[in-house]
Amino acid sequence: MYCIYDAGDHFIINPDECIDCTLCDAACPVDAIHPNFQLPEEMEHSKTKAAEFDYSRMEPGKLNV
């Protein structure tokens, strides 16, 4: 799970690095991770934010699952 980055006040998934393995779904303590085809409408802003986020100056985090 090296496609998850610490964006400060939340974690963000780099859509260019995500391989849809779904391992992060179970690891998320607040049930905020959904496959694109199951993304609730009220969370669409997160998809846009992830696509526009500048990942170039940071390393992905490592989740302990």
N, C-alpha and C. Protein backbone atom coordinates (compact mmCIF):
# COMPACT_ATOMS: atom_id res chain seq x y z
N MET A 1 0.84 -1.19 0.00
CA MET A 1 0.00 0.00 0.00
C MET A 1 0.87 1.24 0.00
N TYR A 2 1.56 1.43 -1.07
CA TYR A 2 2.45 2.56 -1.18
C TYR A 2 1.88 3.64 -2.10
N CYS A 3 0.59 3.70 -2.23
CA CYS A 3 -0.03 4.75 -3.03
C CYS A 3 -0.79 5.72 -2.14
N ILE A 4 -0.68 5.55 -0.82
CA ILE A 4 -1.37 6.41 0.14
C ILE A 4 -0.40 7.42 0.70
N TYR A 5 -0.78 8.69 0.63
CA TYR A 5 0.08 9.78 1.05
C TYR A 5 -0.57 10.56 2.19
N ASP A 6 0.26 11.08 3.07
CA ASP A 6 -0.21 11.90 4.17
C ASP A 6 -0.35 13.33 3.67
N ALA A 7 -1.57 13.82 3.55
CA ALA A 7 -1.84 15.17 3.04
C ALA A 7 -2.03 16.16 4.18
N GLY A 8 -1.60 15.79 5.37
CA GLY A 8 -1.70 16.69 6.51
C GLY A 8 -2.90 16.38 7.38
N ASP A 9 -4.06 16.86 6.98
CA ASP A 9 -5.27 16.64 7.78
C ASP A 9 -6.01 15.36 7.40
N HIS A 10 -5.51 14.66 6.38
CA HIS A 10 -6.12 13.39 5.94
C HIS A 10 -5.10 12.65 5.07
N PHE A 11 -5.42 11.43 4.75
CA PHE A 11 -4.59 10.65 3.84
C PHE A 11 -5.26 10.66 2.47
N ILE A 12 -4.44 10.52 1.42
CA ILE A 12 -4.96 10.62 0.06
C ILE A 12 -4.34 9.51 -0.78
N ILE A 13 -5.11 8.95 -1.68
CA ILE A 13 -4.65 7.85 -2.54
C ILE A 13 -4.31 8.41 -3.91
N ASN A 14 -3.07 8.12 -4.36
CA ASN A 14 -2.66 8.55 -5.68
C ASN A 14 -3.30 7.61 -6.71
N PRO A 15 -4.23 8.12 -7.52
CA PRO A 15 -4.93 7.25 -8.47
C PRO A 15 -4.02 6.68 -9.55
N ASP A 16 -2.87 7.32 -9.80
CA ASP A 16 -1.94 6.81 -10.81
C ASP A 16 -1.12 5.64 -10.28
N GLU A 17 -1.04 5.48 -8.97
CA GLU A 17 -0.26 4.40 -8.37
C GLU A 17 -1.13 3.27 -7.82
N CYS A 18 -2.39 3.54 -7.58
CA CYS A 18 -3.29 2.54 -7.01
C CYS A 18 -3.52 1.41 -8.00
N ILE A 19 -3.39 0.18 -7.53
CA ILE A 19 -3.60 -0.99 -8.39
C ILE A 19 -4.91 -1.71 -8.04
N ASP A 20 -5.75 -1.06 -7.29
CA ASP A 20 -7.06 -1.61 -6.91
C ASP A 20 -6.96 -2.97 -6.22
N CYS A 21 -5.99 -3.11 -5.33
CA CYS A 21 -5.82 -4.38 -4.61
C CYS A 21 -6.83 -4.51 -3.48
N THR A 22 -7.44 -3.44 -3.05
CA THR A 22 -8.47 -3.35 -1.99
C THR A 22 -7.95 -3.61 -0.58
N LEU A 23 -6.65 -3.76 -0.39
CA LEU A 23 -6.12 -3.99 0.95
C LEU A 23 -6.37 -2.80 1.88
N CYS A 24 -6.41 -1.62 1.34
CA CYS A 24 -6.60 -0.43 2.17
C CYS A 24 -8.05 -0.30 2.66
N ASP A 25 -9.00 -0.91 1.96
CA ASP A 25 -10.40 -0.83 2.37
C ASP A 25 -10.58 -1.28 3.81
N ALA A 26 -10.06 -2.44 4.13
CA ALA A 26 -10.21 -3.00 5.47
C ALA A 26 -9.36 -2.27 6.50
N ALA A 27 -8.26 -1.66 6.06
CA ALA A 27 -7.36 -0.97 6.98
C ALA A 27 -7.86 0.41 7.37
N CYS A 28 -8.77 0.98 6.62
CA CYS A 28 -9.26 2.33 6.90
C CYS A 28 -10.17 2.32 8.12
N PRO A 29 -9.79 3.04 9.18
CA PRO A 29 -10.58 3.00 10.42
C PRO A 29 -11.89 3.79 10.35
N VAL A 30 -12.07 4.60 9.32
CA VAL A 30 -13.30 5.42 9.23
C VAL A 30 -14.14 5.07 8.01
N ASP A 31 -13.87 3.95 7.37
CA ASP A 31 -14.65 3.48 6.22
C ASP A 31 -14.77 4.55 5.13
N ALA A 32 -13.64 5.17 4.79
CA ALA A 32 -13.64 6.26 3.81
C ALA A 32 -13.08 5.85 2.46
N ILE A 33 -12.69 4.60 2.30
CA ILE A 33 -12.11 4.15 1.04
C ILE A 33 -13.13 3.29 0.30
N HIS A 34 -13.36 3.67 -0.95
CA HIS A 34 -14.33 2.97 -1.79
C HIS A 34 -13.75 2.82 -3.19
N PRO A 35 -14.04 1.71 -3.87
CA PRO A 35 -13.65 1.62 -5.28
C PRO A 35 -14.36 2.72 -6.07
N ASN A 36 -13.76 3.17 -7.16
CA ASN A 36 -14.36 4.25 -7.94
C ASN A 36 -15.81 3.97 -8.33
N PHE A 37 -16.11 2.73 -8.66
CA PHE A 37 -17.47 2.43 -9.10
C PHE A 37 -18.48 2.41 -7.95
N GLN A 38 -18.00 2.45 -6.70
CA GLN A 38 -18.89 2.46 -5.53
C GLN A 38 -18.76 3.74 -4.72
N LEU A 39 -18.12 4.75 -5.28
CA LEU A 39 -17.90 5.99 -4.55
C LEU A 39 -19.21 6.73 -4.33
N PRO A 40 -19.56 6.99 -3.07
CA PRO A 40 -20.79 7.74 -2.80
C PRO A 40 -20.71 9.14 -3.41
N GLU A 41 -21.82 9.63 -3.88
CA GLU A 41 -21.86 10.93 -4.56
C GLU A 41 -21.28 12.04 -3.68
N GLU A 42 -21.54 11.99 -2.38
CA GLU A 42 -21.05 13.04 -1.49
C GLU A 42 -19.52 13.00 -1.31
N MET A 43 -18.86 11.97 -1.86
CA MET A 43 -17.40 11.87 -1.76
C MET A 43 -16.71 12.12 -3.10
N GLU A 44 -17.44 12.51 -4.12
CA GLU A 44 -16.85 12.77 -5.43
C GLU A 44 -15.75 13.83 -5.35
N HIS A 45 -15.89 14.80 -4.44
CA HIS A 45 -14.87 15.84 -4.30
C HIS A 45 -13.51 15.25 -3.93
N SER A 46 -13.52 14.14 -3.21
CA SER A 46 -12.27 13.49 -2.82
C SER A 46 -11.55 12.91 -4.03
N LYS A 47 -12.30 12.40 -4.96
CA LYS A 47 -11.72 11.84 -6.19
C LYS A 47 -11.02 12.94 -6.99
N THR A 48 -11.67 14.09 -7.10
CA THR A 48 -11.10 15.23 -7.81
C THR A 48 -9.85 15.73 -7.08
N LYS A 49 -9.94 15.83 -5.76
CA LYS A 49 -8.81 16.31 -4.96
C LYS A 49 -7.61 15.38 -5.12
N ALA A 50 -7.83 14.09 -5.12
CA ALA A 50 -6.75 13.11 -5.28
C ALA A 50 -6.10 13.23 -6.66
N ALA A 51 -6.90 13.47 -7.68
CA ALA A 51 -6.37 13.59 -9.04
C ALA A 51 -5.56 14.87 -9.22
N GLU A 52 -5.89 15.91 -8.49
CA GLU A 52 -5.22 17.20 -8.63
C GLU A 52 -4.10 17.43 -7.62
N PHE A 53 -3.95 16.55 -6.65
CA PHE A 53 -2.96 16.69 -5.59
C PHE A 53 -1.54 16.59 -6.16
N ASP A 54 -0.60 17.38 -5.63
CA ASP A 54 0.80 17.35 -6.06
C ASP A 54 1.58 16.34 -5.20
N TYR A 55 1.83 15.18 -5.76
CA TYR A 55 2.53 14.10 -5.06
C TYR A 55 4.04 14.18 -5.24
N SER A 56 4.52 15.11 -6.04
CA SER A 56 5.92 15.12 -6.46
C SER A 56 6.93 15.35 -5.34
N ARG A 57 6.54 15.99 -4.25
CA ARG A 57 7.51 16.30 -3.20
C ARG A 57 7.36 15.44 -1.95
N MET A 58 6.69 14.31 -2.06
CA MET A 58 6.52 13.47 -0.88
C MET A 58 6.63 12.00 -1.24
N GLU A 59 6.94 11.23 -0.23
CA GLU A 59 7.02 9.78 -0.37
C GLU A 59 5.71 9.19 0.13
N PRO A 60 5.29 8.07 -0.45
CA PRO A 60 4.07 7.43 0.06
C PRO A 60 4.29 6.93 1.47
N GLY A 61 3.21 6.87 2.24
CA GLY A 61 3.27 6.36 3.60
C GLY A 61 3.20 4.85 3.60
N LYS A 62 3.32 4.29 4.76
CA LYS A 62 3.21 2.83 4.89
C LYS A 62 2.20 2.55 5.98
N LEU A 63 1.14 1.85 5.63
CA LEU A 63 0.13 1.49 6.60
C LEU A 63 0.47 0.14 7.21
N ASN A 64 0.20 0.00 8.46
CA ASN A 64 0.42 -1.28 9.13
C ASN A 64 -0.87 -2.07 9.10
N VAL A 65 -0.96 -3.03 8.20
CA VAL A 65 -2.17 -3.86 8.10
C VAL A 65 -1.82 -5.31 8.34
